[in-house]
Amino acid sequence: MSSSRPPVDLAGKAAIITGSSQGLGADIARVLARCGASVVIVGRNADKGDALVGELRSQGAEALYCPTDIQQDEDIDRCIQQTLHAFGRLDVLVNNACVYEDEGLDSTRAQWHHTLGVNLVSAAIFAQKACVHMKPGGAIINLGSTGGKFGAAGRALYPASKAAMLQFTKNLAVTLAPDGLRAVAVSPAWTWSPSVERFSNGSREDADQVAAALHPLGRVGDGAEIGNAVAFMASDAASWITGVDIPVDGGFSILGPDQGKSPRWWFEKLLKEQA
């Protein structure tokens, strides 16, 4: 495994991470594995799933790839059973899988159903089926987003699905608390991922430059930084935390429309532009 010190100890825990054959999900899986968890890679791309499992195993981790369409209940059941067969337990579910198919107000009924079906309903069904196999101390971690908290023109489906995920997390936490299980959300802002890489034409420098105005820490996030937060929330160190959203966003969510600048700053900027 990596020589860097893991953020928490997840030894003895088994975790399923949906949408983890690539992108942010793969980064989360890498961190959980580095912390000692046995990880189940869930996705539909067998080549990438197998490659990630090979990478993790070469570093000393226990890992399993489970080809799964999370919109199919039978696939979810099979994934959980394979996890139990391979590792004898299920302690952590990370609902990361999502689609971004958003035409805003012009989105079709089919697009609405698809986005909500993947981003929200499938996560809820996975949680429903997984929690019955978890023992006290288990945790379900739902990936939210800053997109589910603020308005943005031209968007509708993805933000609605993430806002619903945050509310679902609260209800799930209250429901599972008597069984000693926790549910939390982790909400990233702009993170270096396939989508941001595409927008920036592969330039991390350009991505950081654009992000600087919107994130007080002055850059986009790294997938491993999201993974560290997920790992902590999955660990026994977070045993008194449930039902909340953890913003891992470089300060994005603390800014208002003024972008953290005072009225004086904005008026002085206007005067300079007019001079």
C-alpha atoms as a PDB file:
ATOM      1  CA  MET A   1       0.000   0.000   0.000  1.00  0.00           C
ATOM      2  CA  SER A   2       0.947   3.669  -0.149  1.00  0.00           C
ATOM      3  CA  SER A   3       3.778   4.678   2.137  1.00  0.00           C
ATOM      4  CA  SER A   4       1.854   7.744   3.307  1.00  0.00           C
ATOM      5  CA  ARG A   5       0.114   7.415   6.612  1.00  0.00           C
ATOM      6  CA  PRO A   6      -3.590   6.509   6.234  1.00  0.00           C
ATOM      7  CA  PRO A   7      -5.979   9.102   7.708  1.00  0.00           C
ATOM      8  CA  VAL A   8      -7.891   6.527   9.803  1.00  0.00           C
ATOM      9  CA  ASP A   9      -7.889   2.806  10.558  1.00  0.00           C
ATOM     10  CA  LEU A  10     -10.531   0.798   8.675  1.00  0.00           C
ATOM     11  CA  ALA A  11      -8.878  -2.592   9.149  1.00  0.00           C
ATOM     12  CA  GLY A  12     -11.450  -5.348   9.469  1.00  0.00           C
ATOM     13  CA  LYS A  13     -14.178  -3.396   7.676  1.00  0.00           C
ATOM     14  CA  ALA A  14     -15.665  -4.237   4.276  1.00  0.00           C
ATOM     15  CA  ALA A  15     -16.941  -1.443   2.056  1.00  0.00           C
ATOM     16  CA  ILE A  16     -18.977  -1.268  -1.129  1.00  0.00           C
ATOM     17  CA  ILE A  17     -18.383   1.850  -3.247  1.00  0.00           C
ATOM     18  CA  THR A  18     -20.805   2.354  -6.125  1.00  0.00           C
ATOM     19  CA  GLY A  19     -19.588   3.966  -9.319  1.00  0.00           C
ATOM     20  CA  SER A  20     -16.014   3.207  -8.329  1.00  0.00           C
ATOM     21  CA  SER A  21     -14.409   1.780 -11.437  1.00  0.00           C
ATOM     22  CA  GLN A  22     -13.230   5.273 -12.384  1.00  0.00           C
ATOM     23  CA  GLY A  23     -13.211   8.940 -11.373  1.00  0.00           C
ATOM     24  CA  LEU A  24     -14.095  10.058  -7.866  1.00  0.00           C
ATOM     25  CA  GLY A  25     -15.399   6.646  -6.872  1.00  0.00           C
ATOM     26  CA  ALA A  26     -12.052   5.048  -7.724  1.00  0.00           C
ATOM     27  CA  ASP A  27     -10.245   7.702  -5.690  1.00  0.00           C
ATOM     28  CA  ILE A  28     -12.504   6.979  -2.717  1.00  0.00           C
ATOM     29  CA  ALA A  29     -11.891   3.252  -3.076  1.00  0.00           C
ATOM     30  CA  ARG A  30      -8.123   3.824  -3.111  1.00  0.00           C
ATOM     31  CA  VAL A  31      -8.265   5.770   0.147  1.00  0.00           C
ATOM     32  CA  LEU A  32     -10.498   3.230   1.896  1.00  0.00           C
ATOM     33  CA  ALA A  33      -8.195   0.430   0.779  1.00  0.00           C
ATOM     34  CA  ARG A  34      -5.143   2.356   1.999  1.00  0.00           C
ATOM     35  CA  CYS A  35      -6.877   2.638   5.374  1.00  0.00           C
ATOM     36  CA  GLY A  36      -7.159  -1.142   5.529  1.00  0.00           C
ATOM     37  CA  ALA A  37     -10.716  -1.753   4.373  1.00  0.00           C
ATOM     38  CA  SER A  38     -11.637  -4.594   2.071  1.00  0.00           C
ATOM     39  CA  VAL A  39     -13.235  -2.807  -0.874  1.00  0.00           C
ATOM     40  CA  VAL A  40     -15.808  -3.832  -3.443  1.00  0.00           C
ATOM     41  CA  ILE A  41     -15.524  -1.953  -6.721  1.00  0.00           C
ATOM     42  CA  VAL A  42     -18.960  -1.476  -8.280  1.00  0.00           C
ATOM     43  CA  GLY A  43     -19.503  -0.402 -11.860  1.00  0.00           C
ATOM     44  CA  ARG A  44     -20.329  -1.559 -15.368  1.00  0.00           C
ATOM     45  CA  ASN A  45     -16.911  -1.095 -16.993  1.00  0.00           C
ATOM     46  CA  ALA A  46     -15.248  -4.466 -16.467  1.00  0.00           C
ATOM     47  CA  ASP A  47     -11.887  -3.431 -17.914  1.00  0.00           C
ATOM     48  CA  LYS A  48     -11.534  -0.467 -15.560  1.00  0.00           C
ATOM     49  CA  GLY A  49     -12.987  -2.374 -12.616  1.00  0.00           C
ATOM     50  CA  ASP A  50     -10.576  -5.271 -13.045  1.00  0.00           C
ATOM     51  CA  ALA A  51      -7.661  -2.881 -13.539  1.00  0.00           C
ATOM     52  CA  LEU A  52      -8.412  -1.038 -10.300  1.00  0.00           C
ATOM     53  CA  VAL A  53      -8.745  -4.296  -8.374  1.00  0.00           C
ATOM     54  CA  GLY A  54      -5.372  -5.370  -9.771  1.00  0.00           C
ATOM     55  CA  GLU A  55      -3.833  -2.069  -8.716  1.00  0.00           C
ATOM     56  CA  LEU A  56      -5.205  -2.327  -5.178  1.00  0.00           C
ATOM     57  CA  ARG A  57      -4.219  -5.968  -4.754  1.00  0.00           C
ATOM     58  CA  SER A  58      -0.691  -5.202  -5.937  1.00  0.00           C
ATOM     59  CA  GLN A  59      -0.481  -2.740  -3.041  1.00  0.00           C
ATOM     60  CA  GLY A  60      -1.611  -5.313  -0.491  1.00  0.00           C
ATOM     61  CA  ALA A  61      -5.318  -4.517  -0.314  1.00  0.00           C
ATOM     62  CA  GLU A  62      -8.234  -6.924  -0.390  1.00  0.00           C
ATOM     63  CA  ALA A  63     -10.414  -5.938  -3.326  1.00  0.00           C
ATOM     64  CA  LEU A  64     -13.209  -7.369  -5.432  1.00  0.00           C
ATOM     65  CA  TYR A  65     -14.805  -6.113  -8.650  1.00  0.00           C
ATOM     66  CA  CYS A  66     -18.538  -6.664  -8.895  1.00  0.00           C
ATOM     67  CA  PRO A  67     -20.144  -5.737 -12.234  1.00  0.00           C
ATOM     68  CA  THR A  68     -23.399  -4.094 -11.204  1.00  0.00           C
ATOM     69  CA  ASP A  69     -26.180  -2.098 -12.785  1.00  0.00           C
ATOM     70  CA  ILE A  70     -27.497  -0.303  -9.714  1.00  0.00           C
ATOM     71  CA  GLN A  71     -30.869   0.193 -11.406  1.00  0.00           C
ATOM     72  CA  GLN A  72     -31.422  -3.560 -11.260  1.00  0.00           C
ATOM     73  CA  ASP A  73     -32.423  -4.979  -7.872  1.00  0.00           C
ATOM     74  CA  GLU A  74     -31.055  -8.395  -8.805  1.00  0.00           C
ATOM     75  CA  ASP A  75     -27.637  -6.865  -9.468  1.00  0.00           C
ATOM     76  CA  ILE A  76     -27.652  -5.097  -6.107  1.00  0.00           C
ATOM     77  CA  ASP A  77     -28.598  -8.334  -4.330  1.00  0.00           C
ATOM     78  CA  ARG A  78     -25.808 -10.213  -6.121  1.00  0.00           C
ATOM     79  CA  CYS A  79     -23.240  -7.539  -5.252  1.00  0.00           C
ATOM     80  CA  ILE A  80     -24.126  -7.682  -1.565  1.00  0.00           C
ATOM     81  CA  GLN A  81     -24.027 -11.468  -1.521  1.00  0.00           C
ATOM     82  CA  GLN A  82     -20.642 -11.529  -3.263  1.00  0.00           C
ATOM     83  CA  THR A  83     -19.351  -9.068  -0.687  1.00  0.00           C
ATOM     84  CA  LEU A  84     -20.548 -11.238   2.185  1.00  0.00           C
ATOM     85  CA  HIS A  85     -19.137 -14.366   0.557  1.00  0.00           C
ATOM     86  CA  ALA A  86     -15.735 -12.767  -0.087  1.00  0.00           C
ATOM     87  CA  PHE A  87     -15.267 -10.855   3.163  1.00  0.00           C
ATOM     88  CA  GLY A  88     -17.836 -12.269   5.572  1.00  0.00           C
ATOM     89  CA  ARG A  89     -19.298  -8.881   6.446  1.00  0.00           C
ATOM     90  CA  LEU A  90     -20.524  -5.511   5.191  1.00  0.00           C
ATOM     91  CA  ASP A  91     -19.722  -2.422   7.238  1.00  0.00           C
ATOM     92  CA  VAL A  92     -19.762   0.515   4.842  1.00  0.00           C
ATOM     93  CA  LEU A  93     -21.811   1.504   1.809  1.00  0.00           C
ATOM     94  CA  VAL A  94     -20.691   4.528  -0.199  1.00  0.00           C
ATOM     95  CA  ASN A  95     -23.418   5.699  -2.590  1.00  0.00           C
ATOM     96  CA  ASN A  96     -21.255   7.510  -5.126  1.00  0.00           C
ATOM     97  CA  ALA A  97     -22.638   6.470  -8.519  1.00  0.00           C
ATOM     98  CA  CYS A  98     -24.407   9.202 -10.448  1.00  0.00           C
ATOM     99  CA  VAL A  99     -25.143  10.509 -13.909  1.00  0.00           C
ATOM    100  CA  TYR A 100     -25.039  14.091 -15.118  1.00  0.00           C
ATOM    101  CA  GLU A 101     -27.694  14.455 -17.786  1.00  0.00           C
ATOM    102  CA  ASP A 102     -29.118  17.927 -17.384  1.00  0.00           C
ATOM    103  CA  GLU A 103     -30.866  20.131 -19.905  1.00  0.00           C
ATOM    104  CA  GLY A 104     -32.407  22.294 -17.205  1.00  0.00           C
ATOM    105  CA  LEU A 105     -36.008  23.243 -17.884  1.00  0.00           C
ATOM    106  CA  ASP A 106     -35.792  21.571 -21.288  1.00  0.00           C
ATOM    107  CA  SER A 107     -35.074  18.151 -19.784  1.00  0.00           C
ATOM    108  CA  THR A 108     -37.480  15.432 -20.863  1.00  0.00           C
ATOM    109  CA  ARG A 109     -39.551  13.219 -18.610  1.00  0.00           C
ATOM    110  CA  ALA A 110     -37.289  10.319 -19.530  1.00  0.00           C
ATOM    111  CA  GLN A 111     -34.207  12.310 -18.514  1.00  0.00           C
ATOM    112  CA  TRP A 112     -35.803  13.186 -15.181  1.00  0.00           C
ATOM    113  CA  HIS A 113     -36.631   9.552 -14.480  1.00  0.00           C
ATOM    114  CA  HIS A 114     -33.170   8.372 -15.504  1.00  0.00           C
ATOM    115  CA  THR A 115     -31.291  10.901 -13.377  1.00  0.00           C
ATOM    116  CA  LEU A 116     -33.436  10.435 -10.298  1.00  0.00           C
ATOM    117  CA  GLY A 117     -33.434   6.678 -10.849  1.00  0.00           C
ATOM    118  CA  VAL A 118     -29.638   6.483 -10.788  1.00  0.00           C
ATOM    119  CA  ASN A 119     -28.677   9.311  -8.449  1.00  0.00           C
ATOM    120  CA  LEU A 120     -31.382   8.931  -5.815  1.00  0.00           C
ATOM    121  CA  VAL A 121     -33.640   5.885  -6.108  1.00  0.00           C
ATOM    122  CA  SER A 122     -30.883   3.365  -6.758  1.00  0.00           C
ATOM    123  CA  ALA A 123     -28.893   4.745  -3.815  1.00  0.00           C
ATOM    124  CA  ALA A 124     -31.946   4.396  -1.588  1.00  0.00           C
ATOM    125  CA  ILE A 125     -32.580   0.821  -2.706  1.00  0.00           C
ATOM    126  CA  PHE A 126     -28.918  -0.086  -2.221  1.00  0.00           C
ATOM    127  CA  ALA A 127     -29.103   1.352   1.305  1.00  0.00           C
ATOM    128  CA  GLN A 128     -32.332  -0.549   1.960  1.00  0.00           C
ATOM    129  CA  LYS A 129     -30.784  -3.848   0.929  1.00  0.00           C
ATOM    130  CA  ALA A 130     -27.375  -3.268   2.536  1.00  0.00           C
ATOM    131  CA  CYS A 131     -28.420  -2.082   5.984  1.00  0.00           C
ATOM    132  CA  VAL A 132     -30.016  -5.388   6.980  1.00  0.00           C
ATOM    133  CA  HIS A 133     -26.582  -7.016   6.727  1.00  0.00           C
ATOM    134  CA  MET A 134     -24.770  -4.354   8.763  1.00  0.00           C
ATOM    135  CA  LYS A 135     -23.950  -4.641  12.435  1.00  0.00           C
ATOM    136  CA  PRO A 136     -23.875  -1.743  14.931  1.00  0.00           C
ATOM    137  CA  GLY A 137     -21.095   0.624  13.952  1.00  0.00           C
ATOM    138  CA  GLY A 138     -21.844   0.368  10.243  1.00  0.00           C
ATOM    139  CA  ALA A 139     -22.216   3.467   8.099  1.00  0.00           C
ATOM    140  CA  ILE A 140     -23.866   4.545   4.871  1.00  0.00           C
ATOM    141  CA  ILE A 141     -22.173   7.509   3.209  1.00  0.00           C
ATOM    142  CA  ASN A 142     -24.063   9.313   0.469  1.00  0.00           C
ATOM    143  CA  LEU A 143     -22.270  11.617  -1.949  1.00  0.00           C
ATOM    144  CA  GLY A 144     -24.047  14.933  -2.052  1.00  0.00           C
ATOM    145  CA  SER A 145     -22.837  18.046  -3.845  1.00  0.00           C
ATOM    146  CA  THR A 146     -22.691  21.791  -3.487  1.00  0.00           C
ATOM    147  CA  GLY A 147     -24.877  21.644  -6.589  1.00  0.00           C
ATOM    148  CA  GLY A 148     -27.735  20.433  -4.409  1.00  0.00           C
ATOM    149  CA  LYS A 149     -27.606  23.536  -2.200  1.00  0.00           C
ATOM    150  CA  PHE A 150     -27.597  26.542  -4.534  1.00  0.00           C
ATOM    151  CA  GLY A 151     -29.520  27.773  -7.534  1.00  0.00           C
ATOM    152  CA  ALA A 152     -27.929  27.765 -10.996  1.00  0.00           C
ATOM    153  CA  ALA A 153     -29.485  28.744 -14.304  1.00  0.00           C
ATOM    154  CA  GLY A 154     -29.777  26.001 -16.879  1.00  0.00           C
ATOM    155  CA  ARG A 155     -29.614  23.181 -14.367  1.00  0.00           C
ATOM    156  CA  ALA A 156     -32.371  21.122 -12.782  1.00  0.00           C
ATOM    157  CA  LEU A 157     -31.933  17.349 -12.714  1.00  0.00           C
ATOM    158  CA  TYR A 158     -28.545  16.874 -11.076  1.00  0.00           C
ATOM    159  CA  PRO A 159     -29.073  19.561  -8.387  1.00  0.00           C
ATOM    160  CA  ALA A 160     -32.543  18.210  -7.596  1.00  0.00           C
ATOM    161  CA  SER A 161     -31.179  14.689  -7.216  1.00  0.00           C
ATOM    162  CA  LYS A 162     -28.400  15.849  -4.889  1.00  0.00           C
ATOM    163  CA  ALA A 163     -30.722  18.027  -2.800  1.00  0.00           C
ATOM    164  CA  ALA A 164     -32.974  14.997  -2.395  1.00  0.00           C
ATOM    165  CA  MET A 165     -29.957  12.889  -1.427  1.00  0.00           C
ATOM    166  CA  LEU A 166     -29.166  15.289   1.415  1.00  0.00           C
ATOM    167  CA  GLN A 167     -32.723  15.035   2.736  1.00  0.00           C
ATOM    168  CA  PHE A 168     -32.762  11.261   2.315  1.00  0.00           C
ATOM    169  CA  THR A 169     -29.587  11.079   4.401  1.00  0.00           C
ATOM    170  CA  LYS A 170     -31.299  12.819   7.320  1.00  0.00           C
ATOM    171  CA  ASN A 171     -34.297  10.494   7.204  1.00  0.00           C
ATOM    172  CA  LEU A 172     -32.066   7.449   6.823  1.00  0.00           C
ATOM    173  CA  ALA A 173     -29.992   8.468   9.832  1.00  0.00           C
ATOM    174  CA  VAL A 174     -33.035   8.695  12.090  1.00  0.00           C
ATOM    175  CA  THR A 175     -34.399   5.401  10.756  1.00  0.00           C
ATOM    176  CA  LEU A 176     -31.171   3.453  11.262  1.00  0.00           C
ATOM    177  CA  ALA A 177     -30.073   4.981  14.568  1.00  0.00           C
ATOM    178  CA  PRO A 178     -31.890   2.410  16.741  1.00  0.00           C
ATOM    179  CA  ASP A 179     -29.874  -0.312  15.013  1.00  0.00           C
ATOM    180  CA  GLY A 180     -26.576   1.421  15.796  1.00  0.00           C
ATOM    181  CA  LEU A 181     -26.009   2.416  12.177  1.00  0.00           C
ATOM    182  CA  ARG A 182     -25.092   5.868  10.908  1.00  0.00           C
ATOM    183  CA  ALA A 183     -25.862   7.750   7.693  1.00  0.00           C
ATOM    184  CA  VAL A 184     -24.009  10.875   6.579  1.00  0.00           C
ATOM    185  CA  ALA A 185     -23.511  12.863   3.399  1.00  0.00           C
ATOM    186  CA  VAL A 186     -20.254  14.190   1.984  1.00  0.00           C
ATOM    187  CA  SER A 187     -20.631  17.087  -0.463  1.00  0.00           C
ATOM    188  CA  PRO A 188     -17.727  18.051  -2.727  1.00  0.00           C
ATOM    189  CA  ALA A 189     -17.486  21.233  -4.756  1.00  0.00           C
ATOM    190  CA  TRP A 190     -15.329  21.311  -7.900  1.00  0.00           C
ATOM    191  CA  THR A 191     -13.071  18.273  -7.822  1.00  0.00           C
ATOM    192  CA  TRP A 192     -10.454  17.180 -10.359  1.00  0.00           C
ATOM    193  CA  SER A 193     -12.463  14.531 -12.165  1.00  0.00           C
ATOM    194  CA  PRO A 194     -13.211  13.416 -15.725  1.00  0.00           C
ATOM    195  CA  SER A 195     -15.810  16.182 -16.128  1.00  0.00           C
ATOM    196  CA  VAL A 196     -13.593  19.003 -14.822  1.00  0.00           C
ATOM    197  CA  GLU A 197     -10.681  17.597 -16.810  1.00  0.00           C
ATOM    198  CA  ARG A 198     -12.861  17.746 -19.916  1.00  0.00           C
ATOM    199  CA  PHE A 199     -14.027  21.310 -19.253  1.00  0.00           C
ATOM    200  CA  SER A 200     -10.431  22.476 -18.773  1.00  0.00           C
ATOM    201  CA  ASN A 201      -9.047  20.533 -21.755  1.00  0.00           C
ATOM    202  CA  GLY A 202      -6.919  18.527 -19.357  1.00  0.00           C
ATOM    203  CA  SER A 203      -5.215  21.525 -17.752  1.00  0.00           C
ATOM    204  CA  ARG A 204      -5.150  21.363 -13.965  1.00  0.00           C
ATOM    205  CA  GLU A 205      -3.598  24.830 -13.946  1.00  0.00           C
ATOM    206  CA  ASP A 206      -6.562  26.287 -15.855  1.00  0.00           C
ATOM    207  CA  ALA A 207      -9.020  24.420 -13.641  1.00  0.00           C
ATOM    208  CA  ASP A 208      -7.390  25.847 -10.518  1.00  0.00           C
ATOM    209  CA  GLN A 209      -7.381  29.333 -12.000  1.00  0.00           C
ATOM    210  CA  VAL A 210     -11.113  29.251 -12.759  1.00  0.00           C
ATOM    211  CA  ALA A 211     -11.900  27.647  -9.406  1.00  0.00           C
ATOM    212  CA  ALA A 212      -9.894  30.196  -7.423  1.00  0.00           C
ATOM    213  CA  ALA A 213     -12.646  32.832  -7.586  1.00  0.00           C
ATOM    214  CA  LEU A 214     -15.230  30.403  -6.200  1.00  0.00           C
ATOM    215  CA  HIS A 215     -13.228  28.440  -3.635  1.00  0.00           C
ATOM    216  CA  PRO A 216     -11.428  30.338  -0.839  1.00  0.00           C
ATOM    217  CA  LEU A 217      -8.656  27.736  -0.841  1.00  0.00           C
ATOM    218  CA  GLY A 218      -7.946  28.752  -4.416  1.00  0.00           C
ATOM    219  CA  ARG A 219      -8.163  25.527  -6.408  1.00  0.00           C
ATOM    220  CA  VAL A 220     -10.229  22.499  -7.309  1.00  0.00           C
ATOM    221  CA  GLY A 221     -10.152  19.576  -4.907  1.00  0.00           C
ATOM    222  CA  ASP A 222      -8.490  16.202  -5.320  1.00  0.00           C
ATOM    223  CA  GLY A 223     -10.416  12.958  -5.269  1.00  0.00           C
ATOM    224  CA  ALA A 224      -8.220  11.710  -2.433  1.00  0.00           C
ATOM    225  CA  GLU A 225      -9.333  14.672  -0.303  1.00  0.00           C
ATOM    226  CA  ILE A 226     -12.942  13.576  -0.746  1.00  0.00           C
ATOM    227  CA  GLY A 227     -11.840  10.023  -0.021  1.00  0.00           C
ATOM    228  CA  ASN A 228     -10.200  11.112   3.234  1.00  0.00           C
ATOM    229  CA  ALA A 229     -13.476  12.627   4.414  1.00  0.00           C
ATOM    230  CA  VAL A 230     -15.395   9.499   3.436  1.00  0.00           C
ATOM    231  CA  ALA A 231     -12.861   7.335   5.259  1.00  0.00           C
ATOM    232  CA  PHE A 232     -13.194   9.381   8.424  1.00  0.00           C
ATOM    233  CA  MET A 233     -16.990   9.221   8.302  1.00  0.00           C
ATOM    234  CA  ALA A 234     -16.779   5.449   7.797  1.00  0.00           C
ATOM    235  CA  SER A 235     -14.467   4.994  10.765  1.00  0.00           C
ATOM    236  CA  ASP A 236     -15.118   4.486  14.456  1.00  0.00           C
ATOM    237  CA  ALA A 237     -13.620   7.944  15.003  1.00  0.00           C
ATOM    238  CA  ALA A 238     -16.910   9.363  13.628  1.00  0.00           C
ATOM    239  CA  SER A 239     -19.107   7.199  15.852  1.00  0.00           C
ATOM    240  CA  TRP A 240     -21.043  10.209  17.249  1.00  0.00           C
ATOM    241  CA  ILE A 241     -21.779  11.790  13.869  1.00  0.00           C
ATOM    242  CA  THR A 242     -24.911  10.996  11.907  1.00  0.00           C
ATOM    243  CA  GLY A 243     -27.536  12.636   9.728  1.00  0.00           C
ATOM    244  CA  VAL A 244     -25.388  15.595   8.669  1.00  0.00           C
ATOM    245  CA  ASP A 245     -23.776  16.816   5.489  1.00  0.00           C
ATOM    246  CA  ILE A 246     -20.005  17.294   5.518  1.00  0.00           C
ATOM    247  CA  PRO A 247     -18.983  19.948   2.959  1.00  0.00           C
ATOM    248  CA  VAL A 248     -15.578  19.045   1.522  1.00  0.00           C
ATOM    249  CA  ASP A 249     -15.474  21.985  -0.827  1.00  0.00           C
ATOM    250  CA  GLY A 250     -12.497  24.274  -0.271  1.00  0.00           C
ATOM    251  CA  GLY A 251     -14.808  26.832   1.309  1.00  0.00           C
ATOM    252  CA  PHE A 252     -17.193  27.034  -1.665  1.00  0.00           C
ATOM    253  CA  SER A 253     -20.328  26.850   0.480  1.00  0.00           C
ATOM    254  CA  ILE A 254     -19.318  29.662   2.845  1.00  0.00           C
ATOM    255  CA  LEU A 255     -19.307  32.261   0.078  1.00  0.00           C
ATOM    256  CA  GLY A 256     -22.370  34.324  -0.773  1.00  0.00           C
ATOM    257  CA  PRO A 257     -23.144  35.978  -4.105  1.00  0.00           C
ATOM    258  CA  ASP A 258     -20.546  38.638  -3.211  1.00  0.00           C
ATOM    259  CA  GLN A 259     -17.840  35.926  -3.411  1.00  0.00           C
ATOM    260  CA  GLY A 260     -16.577  36.883   0.012  1.00  0.00           C
ATOM    261  CA  LYS A 261     -15.822  40.476  -0.960  1.00  0.00           C
ATOM    262  CA  SER A 262     -17.108  43.541   0.930  1.00  0.00           C
ATOM    263  CA  PRO A 263     -19.380  46.169  -0.729  1.00  0.00           C
ATOM    264  CA  ARG A 264     -16.377  48.539  -0.639  1.00  0.00           C
ATOM    265  CA  TRP A 265     -14.362  46.100  -2.738  1.00  0.00           C
ATOM    266  CA  TRP A 266     -17.073  45.831  -5.389  1.00  0.00           C
ATOM    267  CA  PHE A 267     -17.623  49.585  -5.649  1.00  0.00           C
ATOM    268  CA  GLU A 268     -13.900  50.247  -5.829  1.00  0.00           C
ATOM    269  CA  LYS A 269     -13.689  47.659  -8.590  1.00  0.00           C
ATOM    270  CA  LEU A 270     -16.480  49.443 -10.485  1.00  0.00           C
ATOM    271  CA  LEU A 271     -14.746  52.813 -10.143  1.00  0.00           C
ATOM    272  CA  LYS A 272     -11.482  51.364 -11.438  1.00  0.00           C
ATOM    273  CA  GLU A 273     -13.262  49.884 -14.430  1.00  0.00           C
ATOM    274  CA  GLN A 274     -14.966  53.209 -15.142  1.00  0.00           C
ATOM    275  CA  ALA A 275     -11.759  55.226 -14.848  1.00  0.00           C
END
